[in-house]
Amino acid sequence: MVTIHLRYELDDTKLDDFEEYGRRWVGLVNRLGGEHHGYFLPSEGDSDVAYALFTFPSLARYEQYRQEAATDPECQAAFELARTTGCIKRYERRFLRPLDA
């Protein structure tokens, strides 16, 4: 299992656009074989940082998802939303594994 942690730096004047972007990706990740754990948006403190977490059964399955997303029309529309609105300034991606106790 691999969990992907995304940290976004946002244009804080375009949070509504980012919320729409996030709503789209929750459904898309789930449709394409992952389990989305949600987006976590600014509340108090930093107003330009958000996070997302989603899991795939393996790194290989995540890579397959990436290939599918590259040609999926709904995924491309979500990417285009972020690009045209400029709601995301930059993002970082980390790969995490659970600690088996």
PDB file of N, CA and C in Angstrom:
ATOM      1  N   MET A   1       0.842  -1.173   0.000  1.00  0.00           N
ATOM      2  CA  MET A   1       0.000   0.000   0.000  1.00  0.00           C
ATOM      3  C   MET A   1       0.891   1.241   0.000  1.00  0.00           C
ATOM      4  N   VAL A   2       0.462   2.258  -0.734  1.00  0.00           N
ATOM      5  CA  VAL A   2       1.176   3.525  -0.748  1.00  0.00           C
ATOM      6  C   VAL A   2       0.156   4.656  -0.619  1.00  0.00           C
ATOM      7  N   THR A   3       0.456   5.598   0.271  1.00  0.00           N
ATOM      8  CA  THR A   3      -0.375   6.788   0.429  1.00  0.00           C
ATOM      9  C   THR A   3       0.393   7.971  -0.116  1.00  0.00           C
ATOM     10  N   ILE A   4      -0.285   8.741  -0.932  1.00  0.00           N
ATOM     11  CA  ILE A   4       0.318   9.929  -1.535  1.00  0.00           C
ATOM     12  C   ILE A   4      -0.151  11.131  -0.729  1.00  0.00           C
ATOM     13  N   HIS A   5       0.800  11.920  -0.288  1.00  0.00           N
ATOM     14  CA  HIS A   5       0.532  13.148   0.475  1.00  0.00           C
ATOM     15  C   HIS A   5       0.906  14.310  -0.420  1.00  0.00           C
ATOM     16  N   LEU A   6      -0.057  15.180  -0.674  1.00  0.00           N
ATOM     17  CA  LEU A   6       0.198  16.377  -1.477  1.00  0.00           C
ATOM     18  C   LEU A   6       0.087  17.610  -0.599  1.00  0.00           C
ATOM     19  N   ARG A   7       1.042  18.493  -0.760  1.00  0.00           N
ATOM     20  CA  ARG A   7       1.018  19.798  -0.091  1.00  0.00           C
ATOM     21  C   ARG A   7       0.943  20.840  -1.190  1.00  0.00           C
ATOM     22  N   TYR A   8      -0.091  21.659  -1.140  1.00  0.00           N
ATOM     23  CA  TYR A   8      -0.312  22.681  -2.159  1.00  0.00           C
ATOM     24  C   TYR A   8      -0.048  24.070  -1.596  1.00  0.00           C
ATOM     25  N   GLU A   9       0.608  24.903  -2.368  1.00  0.00           N
ATOM     26  CA  GLU A   9       0.647  26.332  -2.089  1.00  0.00           C
ATOM     27  C   GLU A   9      -0.326  26.968  -3.066  1.00  0.00           C
ATOM     28  N   LEU A  10      -1.284  27.711  -2.509  1.00  0.00           N
ATOM     29  CA  LEU A  10      -2.400  28.223  -3.287  1.00  0.00           C
ATOM     30  C   LEU A  10      -2.346  29.727  -3.463  1.00  0.00           C
ATOM     31  N   ASP A  11      -3.047  30.188  -4.466  1.00  0.00           N
ATOM     32  CA  ASP A  11      -3.376  31.603  -4.571  1.00  0.00           C
ATOM     33  C   ASP A  11      -4.588  31.790  -3.670  1.00  0.00           C
ATOM     34  N   ASP A  12      -4.410  32.457  -2.539  1.00  0.00           N
ATOM     35  CA  ASP A  12      -5.489  32.526  -1.554  1.00  0.00           C
ATOM     36  C   ASP A  12      -6.683  33.357  -2.014  1.00  0.00           C
ATOM     37  N   THR A  13      -6.586  34.017  -3.154  1.00  0.00           N
ATOM     38  CA  THR A  13      -7.741  34.718  -3.718  1.00  0.00           C
ATOM     39  C   THR A  13      -8.558  33.799  -4.624  1.00  0.00           C
ATOM     40  N   LYS A  14      -8.095  32.561  -4.799  1.00  0.00           N
ATOM     41  CA  LYS A  14      -8.762  31.620  -5.696  1.00  0.00           C
ATOM     42  C   LYS A  14      -9.100  30.298  -5.001  1.00  0.00           C
ATOM     43  N   LEU A  15      -9.448  30.393  -3.727  1.00  0.00           N
ATOM     44  CA  LEU A  15      -9.780  29.186  -2.967  1.00  0.00           C
ATOM     45  C   LEU A  15     -11.015  28.483  -3.513  1.00  0.00           C
ATOM     46  N   ASP A  16     -11.988  29.234  -4.014  1.00  0.00           N
ATOM     47  CA  ASP A  16     -13.181  28.597  -4.587  1.00  0.00           C
ATOM     48  C   ASP A  16     -12.806  27.720  -5.780  1.00  0.00           C
ATOM     49  N   ASP A  17     -11.871  28.193  -6.614  1.00  0.00           N
ATOM     50  CA  ASP A  17     -11.419  27.403  -7.755  1.00  0.00           C
ATOM     51  C   ASP A  17     -10.717  26.132  -7.282  1.00  0.00           C
ATOM     52  N   PHE A  18      -9.892  26.261  -6.237  1.00  0.00           N
ATOM     53  CA  PHE A  18      -9.201  25.082  -5.716  1.00  0.00           C
ATOM     54  C   PHE A  18     -10.196  24.092  -5.113  1.00  0.00           C
ATOM     55  N   GLU A  19     -11.216  24.583  -4.433  1.00  0.00           N
ATOM     56  CA  GLU A  19     -12.223  23.679  -3.879  1.00  0.00           C
ATOM     57  C   GLU A  19     -12.899  22.880  -4.991  1.00  0.00           C
ATOM     58  N   GLU A  20     -13.204  23.514  -6.105  1.00  0.00           N
ATOM     59  CA  GLU A  20     -13.798  22.800  -7.238  1.00  0.00           C
ATOM     60  C   GLU A  20     -12.823  21.765  -7.787  1.00  0.00           C
ATOM     61  N   TYR A  21     -11.559  22.137  -7.899  1.00  0.00           N
ATOM     62  CA  TYR A  21     -10.509  21.210  -8.339  1.00  0.00           C
ATOM     63  C   TYR A  21     -10.475  19.986  -7.425  1.00  0.00           C
ATOM     64  N   GLY A  22     -10.473  20.213  -6.119  1.00  0.00           N
ATOM     65  CA  GLY A  22     -10.428  19.122  -5.153  1.00  0.00           C
ATOM     66  C   GLY A  22     -11.651  18.221  -5.228  1.00  0.00           C
ATOM     67  N   ARG A  23     -12.831  18.814  -5.350  1.00  0.00           N
ATOM     68  CA  ARG A  23     -14.049  18.004  -5.461  1.00  0.00           C
ATOM     69  C   ARG A  23     -13.965  17.067  -6.656  1.00  0.00           C
ATOM     70  N   ARG A  24     -13.445  17.566  -7.753  1.00  0.00           N
ATOM     71  CA  ARG A  24     -13.311  16.734  -8.946  1.00  0.00           C
ATOM     72  C   ARG A  24     -12.362  15.566  -8.700  1.00  0.00           C
ATOM     73  N   TRP A  25     -11.197  15.851  -8.089  1.00  0.00           N
ATOM     74  CA  TRP A  25     -10.181  14.811  -7.931  1.00  0.00           C
ATOM     75  C   TRP A  25     -10.572  13.728  -6.948  1.00  0.00           C
ATOM     76  N   VAL A  26     -11.370  14.038  -5.946  1.00  0.00           N
ATOM     77  CA  VAL A  26     -11.805  12.988  -5.021  1.00  0.00           C
ATOM     78  C   VAL A  26     -12.518  11.894  -5.802  1.00  0.00           C
ATOM     79  N   GLY A  27     -13.464  12.271  -6.633  1.00  0.00           N
ATOM     80  CA  GLY A  27     -14.191  11.295  -7.431  1.00  0.00           C
ATOM     81  C   GLY A  27     -13.325  10.607  -8.464  1.00  0.00           C
ATOM     82  N   LEU A  28     -12.416  11.362  -9.070  1.00  0.00           N
ATOM     83  CA  LEU A  28     -11.563  10.789 -10.116  1.00  0.00           C
ATOM     84  C   LEU A  28     -10.607   9.740  -9.553  1.00  0.00           C
ATOM     85  N   VAL A  29      -9.977  10.031  -8.440  1.00  0.00           N
ATOM     86  CA  VAL A  29      -9.061   9.059  -7.825  1.00  0.00           C
ATOM     87  C   VAL A  29      -9.825   7.797  -7.456  1.00  0.00           C
ATOM     88  N   ASN A  30     -11.005   7.963  -6.866  1.00  0.00           N
ATOM     89  CA  ASN A  30     -11.792   6.800  -6.482  1.00  0.00           C
ATOM     90  C   ASN A  30     -12.218   5.994  -7.716  1.00  0.00           C
ATOM     91  N   ARG A  31     -12.610   6.668  -8.772  1.00  0.00           N
ATOM     92  CA  ARG A  31     -13.022   5.973  -9.996  1.00  0.00           C
ATOM     93  C   ARG A  31     -11.867   5.223 -10.639  1.00  0.00           C
ATOM     94  N   LEU A  32     -10.660   5.747 -10.496  1.00  0.00           N
ATOM     95  CA  LEU A  32      -9.494   5.158 -11.157  1.00  0.00           C
ATOM     96  C   LEU A  32      -8.706   4.204 -10.247  1.00  0.00           C
ATOM     97  N   GLY A  33      -9.334   3.692  -9.203  1.00  0.00           N
ATOM     98  CA  GLY A  33      -8.724   2.616  -8.436  1.00  0.00           C
ATOM     99  C   GLY A  33      -8.078   2.981  -7.121  1.00  0.00           C
ATOM    100  N   GLY A  34      -8.118   4.238  -6.741  1.00  0.00           N
ATOM    101  CA  GLY A  34      -7.537   4.642  -5.468  1.00  0.00           C
ATOM    102  C   GLY A  34      -8.610   4.871  -4.423  1.00  0.00           C
ATOM    103  N   GLU A  35      -8.179   5.261  -3.260  1.00  0.00           N
ATOM    104  CA  GLU A  35      -9.084   5.668  -2.186  1.00  0.00           C
ATOM    105  C   GLU A  35      -8.654   7.058  -1.728  1.00  0.00           C
ATOM    106  N   HIS A  36      -9.477   8.046  -2.047  1.00  0.00           N
ATOM    107  CA  HIS A  36      -9.150   9.424  -1.668  1.00  0.00           C
ATOM    108  C   HIS A  36      -9.599   9.661  -0.241  1.00  0.00           C
ATOM    109  N   HIS A  37      -8.727  10.245   0.567  1.00  0.00           N
ATOM    110  CA  HIS A  37      -9.025  10.516   1.966  1.00  0.00           C
ATOM    111  C   HIS A  37      -9.423  11.968   2.195  1.00  0.00           C
ATOM    112  N   GLY A  38      -9.442  12.755   1.136  1.00  0.00           N
ATOM    113  CA  GLY A  38      -9.936  14.119   1.229  1.00  0.00           C
ATOM    114  C   GLY A  38      -8.874  15.187   1.056  1.00  0.00           C
ATOM    115  N   TYR A  39      -9.391  16.392   0.908  1.00  0.00           N
ATOM    116  CA  TYR A  39      -8.577  17.603   0.864  1.00  0.00           C
ATOM    117  C   TYR A  39      -8.756  18.320   2.186  1.00  0.00           C
ATOM    118  N   PHE A  40      -7.708  18.946   2.644  1.00  0.00           N
ATOM    119  CA  PHE A  40      -7.716  19.662   3.909  1.00  0.00           C
ATOM    120  C   PHE A  40      -7.306  21.093   3.597  1.00  0.00           C
ATOM    121  N   LEU A  41      -8.278  22.006   3.746  1.00  0.00           N
ATOM    122  CA  LEU A  41      -8.134  23.382   3.278  1.00  0.00           C
ATOM    123  C   LEU A  41      -7.763  24.320   4.416  1.00  0.00           C
ATOM    124  N   PRO A  42      -7.241  25.486   4.062  1.00  0.00           N
ATOM    125  CA  PRO A  42      -6.872  26.460   5.093  1.00  0.00           C
ATOM    126  C   PRO A  42      -8.079  26.842   5.948  1.00  0.00           C
ATOM    127  N   SER A  43      -7.825  26.989   7.236  1.00  0.00           N
ATOM    128  CA  SER A  43      -8.868  27.439   8.148  1.00  0.00           C
ATOM    129  C   SER A  43      -8.328  28.622   8.948  1.00  0.00           C
ATOM    130  N   GLU A  44      -7.461  28.332   9.907  1.00  0.00           N
ATOM    131  CA  GLU A  44      -6.789  29.388  10.650  1.00  0.00           C
ATOM    132  C   GLU A  44      -5.301  29.249  10.392  1.00  0.00           C
ATOM    133  N   GLY A  45      -4.569  30.298  10.595  1.00  0.00           N
ATOM    134  CA  GLY A  45      -3.128  30.258  10.333  1.00  0.00           C
ATOM    135  C   GLY A  45      -2.867  30.537   8.857  1.00  0.00           C
ATOM    136  N   ASP A  46      -1.947  29.761   8.254  1.00  0.00           N
ATOM    137  CA  ASP A  46      -1.626  29.959   6.844  1.00  0.00           C
ATOM    138  C   ASP A  46      -2.894  29.855   6.010  1.00  0.00           C
ATOM    139  N   SER A  47      -3.096  30.826   5.141  1.00  0.00           N
ATOM    140  CA  SER A  47      -4.300  30.808   4.316  1.00  0.00           C
ATOM    141  C   SER A  47      -4.013  30.357   2.890  1.00  0.00           C
ATOM    142  N   ASP A  48      -2.784  29.923   2.642  1.00  0.00           N
ATOM    143  CA  ASP A  48      -2.432  29.551   1.266  1.00  0.00           C
ATOM    144  C   ASP A  48      -1.839  28.143   1.167  1.00  0.00           C
ATOM    145  N   VAL A  49      -2.121  27.292   2.152  1.00  0.00           N
ATOM    146  CA  VAL A  49      -1.601  25.926   2.142  1.00  0.00           C
ATOM    147  C   VAL A  49      -2.762  24.952   2.325  1.00  0.00           C
ATOM    148  N   ALA A  50      -2.787  23.908   1.490  1.00  0.00           N
ATOM    149  CA  ALA A  50      -3.791  22.844   1.595  1.00  0.00           C
ATOM    150  C   ALA A  50      -3.087  21.499   1.428  1.00  0.00           C
ATOM    151  N   TYR A  51      -3.764  20.446   1.855  1.00  0.00           N
ATOM    152  CA  TYR A  51      -3.204  19.096   1.784  1.00  0.00           C
ATOM    153  C   TYR A  51      -4.235  18.137   1.195  1.00  0.00           C
ATOM    154  N   ALA A  52      -3.748  17.059   0.628  1.00  0.00           N
ATOM    155  CA  ALA A  52      -4.607  15.962   0.174  1.00  0.00           C
ATOM    156  C   ALA A  52      -3.894  14.648   0.453  1.00  0.00           C
ATOM    157  N   LEU A  53      -4.686  13.615   0.710  1.00  0.00           N
ATOM    158  CA  LEU A  53      -4.165  12.265   0.940  1.00  0.00           C
ATOM    159  C   LEU A  53      -5.008  11.281   0.146  1.00  0.00           C
ATOM    160  N   PHE A  54      -4.345  10.373  -0.559  1.00  0.00           N
ATOM    161  CA  PHE A  54      -5.049   9.277  -1.201  1.00  0.00           C
ATOM    162  C   PHE A  54      -4.141   8.070  -1.273  1.00  0.00           C
ATOM    163  N   THR A  55      -4.762   6.882  -1.338  1.00  0.00           N
ATOM    164  CA  THR A  55      -4.037   5.623  -1.230  1.00  0.00           C
ATOM    165  C   THR A  55      -4.313   4.726  -2.425  1.00  0.00           C
ATOM    166  N   PHE A  56      -3.284   3.988  -2.819  1.00  0.00           N
ATOM    167  CA  PHE A  56      -3.399   2.945  -3.830  1.00  0.00           C
ATOM    168  C   PHE A  56      -2.837   1.656  -3.236  1.00  0.00           C
ATOM    169  N   PRO A  57      -3.299   0.509  -3.730  1.00  0.00           N
ATOM    170  CA  PRO A  57      -2.822  -0.761  -3.189  1.00  0.00           C
ATOM    171  C   PRO A  57      -1.318  -0.972  -3.336  1.00  0.00           C
ATOM    172  N   SER A  58      -0.711  -0.343  -4.360  1.00  0.00           N
ATOM    173  CA  SER A  58       0.728  -0.500  -4.589  1.00  0.00           C
ATOM    174  C   SER A  58       1.236   0.683  -5.401  1.00  0.00           C
ATOM    175  N   LEU A  59       2.550   0.838  -5.413  1.00  0.00           N
ATOM    176  CA  LEU A  59       3.144   1.888  -6.235  1.00  0.00           C
ATOM    177  C   LEU A  59       2.890   1.607  -7.715  1.00  0.00           C
ATOM    178  N   ALA A  60       2.902   0.342  -8.096  1.00  0.00           N
ATOM    179  CA  ALA A  60       2.613  -0.017  -9.495  1.00  0.00           C
ATOM    180  C   ALA A  60       1.195   0.405  -9.880  1.00  0.00           C
ATOM    181  N   ARG A  61       0.234   0.222  -8.977  1.00  0.00           N
ATOM    182  CA  ARG A  61      -1.148   0.622  -9.278  1.00  0.00           C
ATOM    183  C   ARG A  61      -1.255   2.136  -9.351  1.00  0.00           C
ATOM    184  N   TYR A  62      -0.502   2.841  -8.532  1.00  0.00           N
ATOM    185  CA  TYR A  62      -0.468   4.309  -8.615  1.00  0.00           C
ATOM    186  C   TYR A  62       0.084   4.744  -9.971  1.00  0.00           C
ATOM    187  N   GLU A  63       1.145   4.106 -10.431  1.00  0.00           N
ATOM    188  CA  GLU A  63       1.718   4.457 -11.731  1.00  0.00           C
ATOM    189  C   GLU A  63       0.718   4.193 -12.857  1.00  0.00           C
ATOM    190  N   GLN A  64      -0.045   3.128 -12.734  1.00  0.00           N
ATOM    191  CA  GLN A  64      -1.092   2.840 -13.724  1.00  0.00           C
ATOM    192  C   GLN A  64      -2.147   3.949 -13.705  1.00  0.00           C
ATOM    193  N   TYR A  65      -2.538   4.379 -12.514  1.00  0.00           N
ATOM    194  CA  TYR A  65      -3.475   5.501 -12.367  1.00  0.00           C
ATOM    195  C   TYR A  65      -2.946   6.744 -13.071  1.00  0.00           C
ATOM    196  N   ARG A  66      -1.665   7.028 -12.894  1.00  0.00           N
ATOM    197  CA  ARG A  66      -1.067   8.220 -13.538  1.00  0.00           C
ATOM    198  C   ARG A  66      -1.173   8.123 -15.053  1.00  0.00           C
ATOM    199  N   GLN A  67      -0.931   6.946 -15.605  1.00  0.00           N
ATOM    200  CA  GLN A  67      -1.048   6.761 -17.050  1.00  0.00           C
ATOM    201  C   GLN A  67      -2.493   6.936 -17.503  1.00  0.00           C
ATOM    202  N   GLU A  68      -3.430   6.384 -16.752  1.00  0.00           N
ATOM    203  CA  GLU A  68      -4.842   6.523 -17.098  1.00  0.00           C
ATOM    204  C   GLU A  68      -5.290   7.987 -17.005  1.00  0.00           C
ATOM    205  N   ALA A  69      -4.833   8.679 -15.971  1.00  0.00           N
ATOM    206  CA  ALA A  69      -5.218  10.084 -15.785  1.00  0.00           C
ATOM    207  C   ALA A  69      -4.694  10.963 -16.911  1.00  0.00           C
ATOM    208  N   ALA A  70      -3.563  10.595 -17.483  1.00  0.00           N
ATOM    209  CA  ALA A  70      -2.965  11.397 -18.552  1.00  0.00           C
ATOM    210  C   ALA A  70      -3.832  11.440 -19.804  1.00  0.00           C
ATOM    211  N   THR A  71      -4.720  10.457 -19.969  1.00  0.00           N
ATOM    212  CA  THR A  71      -5.566  10.426 -21.163  1.00  0.00           C
ATOM    213  C   THR A  71      -7.054  10.518 -20.841  1.00  0.00           C
ATOM    214  N   ASP A  72      -7.420  10.532 -19.587  1.00  0.00           N
ATOM    215  CA  ASP A  72      -8.824  10.597 -19.188  1.00  0.00           C
ATOM    216  C   ASP A  72      -9.357  12.026 -19.361  1.00  0.00           C
ATOM    217  N   PRO A  73     -10.442  12.200 -20.109  1.00  0.00           N
ATOM    218  CA  PRO A  73     -10.955  13.554 -20.355  1.00  0.00           C
ATOM    219  C   PRO A  73     -11.339  14.316 -19.084  1.00  0.00           C
ATOM    220  N   GLU A  74     -11.922  13.640 -18.089  1.00  0.00           N
ATOM    221  CA  GLU A  74     -12.293  14.335 -16.856  1.00  0.00           C
ATOM    222  C   GLU A  74     -11.062  14.770 -16.067  1.00  0.00           C
ATOM    223  N   CYS A  75     -10.034  13.942 -16.061  1.00  0.00           N
ATOM    224  CA  CYS A  75      -8.780  14.307 -15.387  1.00  0.00           C
ATOM    225  C   CYS A  75      -8.138  15.491 -16.089  1.00  0.00           C
ATOM    226  N   GLN A  76      -8.128  15.451 -17.403  1.00  0.00           N
ATOM    227  CA  GLN A  76      -7.545  16.557 -18.162  1.00  0.00           C
ATOM    228  C   GLN A  76      -8.303  17.853 -17.910  1.00  0.00           C
ATOM    229  N   ALA A  77      -9.625  17.771 -17.774  1.00  0.00           N
ATOM    230  CA  ALA A  77     -10.422  18.966 -17.471  1.00  0.00           C
ATOM    231  C   ALA A  77     -10.078  19.515 -16.086  1.00  0.00           C
ATOM    232  N   ALA A  78      -9.825  18.630 -15.122  1.00  0.00           N
ATOM    233  CA  ALA A  78      -9.441  19.088 -13.779  1.00  0.00           C
ATOM    234  C   ALA A  78      -8.072  19.756 -13.806  1.00  0.00           C
ATOM    235  N   PHE A  79      -7.118  19.153 -14.530  1.00  0.00           N
ATOM    236  CA  PHE A  79      -5.806  19.795 -14.689  1.00  0.00           C
ATOM    237  C   PHE A  79      -5.949  21.171 -15.328  1.00  0.00           C
ATOM    238  N   GLU A  80      -6.797  21.251 -16.344  1.00  0.00           N
ATOM    239  CA  GLU A  80      -6.998  22.513 -17.067  1.00  0.00           C
ATOM    240  C   GLU A  80      -7.628  23.572 -16.165  1.00  0.00           C
ATOM    241  N   LEU A  81      -8.543  23.165 -15.297  1.00  0.00           N
ATOM    242  CA  LEU A  81      -9.142  24.103 -14.340  1.00  0.00           C
ATOM    243  C   LEU A  81      -8.053  24.757 -13.492  1.00  0.00           C
ATOM    244  N   ALA A  82      -7.153  23.941 -12.958  1.00  0.00           N
ATOM    245  CA  ALA A  82      -6.071  24.491 -12.124  1.00  0.00           C
ATOM    246  C   ALA A  82      -5.156  25.380 -12.947  1.00  0.00           C
ATOM    247  N   ARG A  83      -4.860  24.965 -14.171  1.00  0.00           N
ATOM    248  CA  ARG A  83      -3.952  25.751 -15.019  1.00  0.00           C
ATOM    249  C   ARG A  83      -4.566  27.097 -15.390  1.00  0.00           C
ATOM    250  N   THR A  84      -5.807  27.094 -15.826  1.00  0.00           N
ATOM    251  CA  THR A  84      -6.420  28.346 -16.304  1.00  0.00           C
ATOM    252  C   THR A  84      -6.747  29.311 -15.172  1.00  0.00           C
ATOM    253  N   THR A  85      -7.090  28.785 -14.005  1.00  0.00           N
ATOM    254  CA  THR A  85      -7.421  29.684 -12.893  1.00  0.00           C
ATOM    255  C   THR A  85      -6.180  30.136 -12.131  1.00  0.00           C
ATOM    256  N   GLY A  86      -5.115  29.347 -12.189  1.00  0.00           N
ATOM    257  CA  GLY A  86      -3.922  29.682 -11.423  1.00  0.00           C
ATOM    258  C   GLY A  86      -4.111  29.510  -9.929  1.00  0.00           C
ATOM    259  N   CYS A  87      -5.052  28.657  -9.527  1.00  0.00           N
ATOM    260  CA  CYS A  87      -5.327  28.501  -8.100  1.00  0.00           C
ATOM    261  C   CYS A  87      -4.193  27.795  -7.360  1.00  0.00           C
ATOM    262  N   ILE A  88      -3.405  26.992  -8.068  1.00  0.00           N
ATOM    263  CA  ILE A  88      -2.275  26.286  -7.452  1.00  0.00           C
ATOM    264  C   ILE A  88      -0.975  26.946  -7.895  1.00  0.00           C
ATOM    265  N   LYS A  89      -0.210  27.436  -6.936  1.00  0.00           N
ATOM    266  CA  LYS A  89       1.090  28.029  -7.253  1.00  0.00           C
ATOM    267  C   LYS A  89       2.156  26.953  -7.424  1.00  0.00           C
ATOM    268  N   ARG A  90       2.125  25.966  -6.538  1.00  0.00           N
ATOM    269  CA  ARG A  90       3.063  24.843  -6.613  1.00  0.00           C
ATOM    270  C   ARG A  90       2.561  23.753  -5.693  1.00  0.00           C
ATOM    271  N   TYR A  91       3.101  22.559  -5.895  1.00  0.00           N
ATOM    272  CA  TYR A  91       2.737  21.459  -5.013  1.00  0.00           C
ATOM    273  C   TYR A  91       3.917  20.529  -4.836  1.00  0.00           C
ATOM    274  N   GLU A  92       3.875  19.783  -3.746  1.00  0.00           N
ATOM    275  CA  GLU A  92       4.882  18.772  -3.428  1.00  0.00           C
ATOM    276  C   GLU A  92       4.158  17.449  -3.232  1.00  0.00           C
ATOM    277  N   ARG A  93       4.784  16.378  -3.695  1.00  0.00           N
ATOM    278  CA  ARG A  93       4.190  15.046  -3.568  1.00  0.00           C
ATOM    279  C   ARG A  93       5.142  14.161  -2.774  1.00  0.00           C
ATOM    280  N   ARG A  94       4.582  13.452  -1.788  1.00  0.00           N
ATOM    281  CA  ARG A  94       5.364  12.502  -0.988  1.00  0.00           C
ATOM    282  C   ARG A  94       4.655  11.154  -1.010  1.00  0.00           C
ATOM    283  N   PHE A  95       5.450  10.101  -0.955  1.00  0.00           N
ATOM    284  CA  PHE A  95       4.920   8.741  -0.927  1.00  0.00           C
ATOM    285  C   PHE A  95       5.176   8.169   0.459  1.00  0.00           C
ATOM    286  N   LEU A  96       4.116   7.698   1.094  1.00  0.00           N
ATOM    287  CA  LEU A  96       4.190   7.208   2.460  1.00  0.00           C
ATOM    288  C   LEU A  96       3.696   5.769   2.521  1.00  0.00           C
ATOM    289  N   ARG A  97       4.181   5.043   3.495  1.00  0.00           N
ATOM    290  CA  ARG A  97       3.708   3.675   3.729  1.00  0.00           C
ATOM    291  C   ARG A  97       3.260   3.577   5.168  1.00  0.00           C
ATOM    292  N   PRO A  98       2.242   2.744   5.424  1.00  0.00           N
ATOM    293  CA  PRO A  98       1.776   2.630   6.803  1.00  0.00           C
ATOM    294  C   PRO A  98       2.750   1.805   7.650  1.00  0.00           C
ATOM    295  N   LEU A  99       2.768   2.093   8.908  1.00  0.00           N
ATOM    296  CA  LEU A  99       3.532   1.312   9.862  1.00  0.00           C
ATOM    297  C   LEU A  99       2.663   0.138  10.287  1.00  0.00           C
ATOM    298  N   ASP A 100       3.108  -1.047  10.008  1.00  0.00           N
ATOM    299  CA  ASP A 100       2.379  -2.250  10.423  1.00  0.00           C
ATOM    300  C   ASP A 100       2.741  -2.552  11.877  1.00  0.00           C
ATOM    301  N   ALA A 101       1.753  -2.491  12.731  1.00  0.00           N
ATOM    302  CA  ALA A 101       2.013  -2.719  14.158  1.00  0.00           C
ATOM    303  C   ALA A 101       1.790  -4.161  14.543  1.00  0.00           C
TER     304      ALA A 101
END
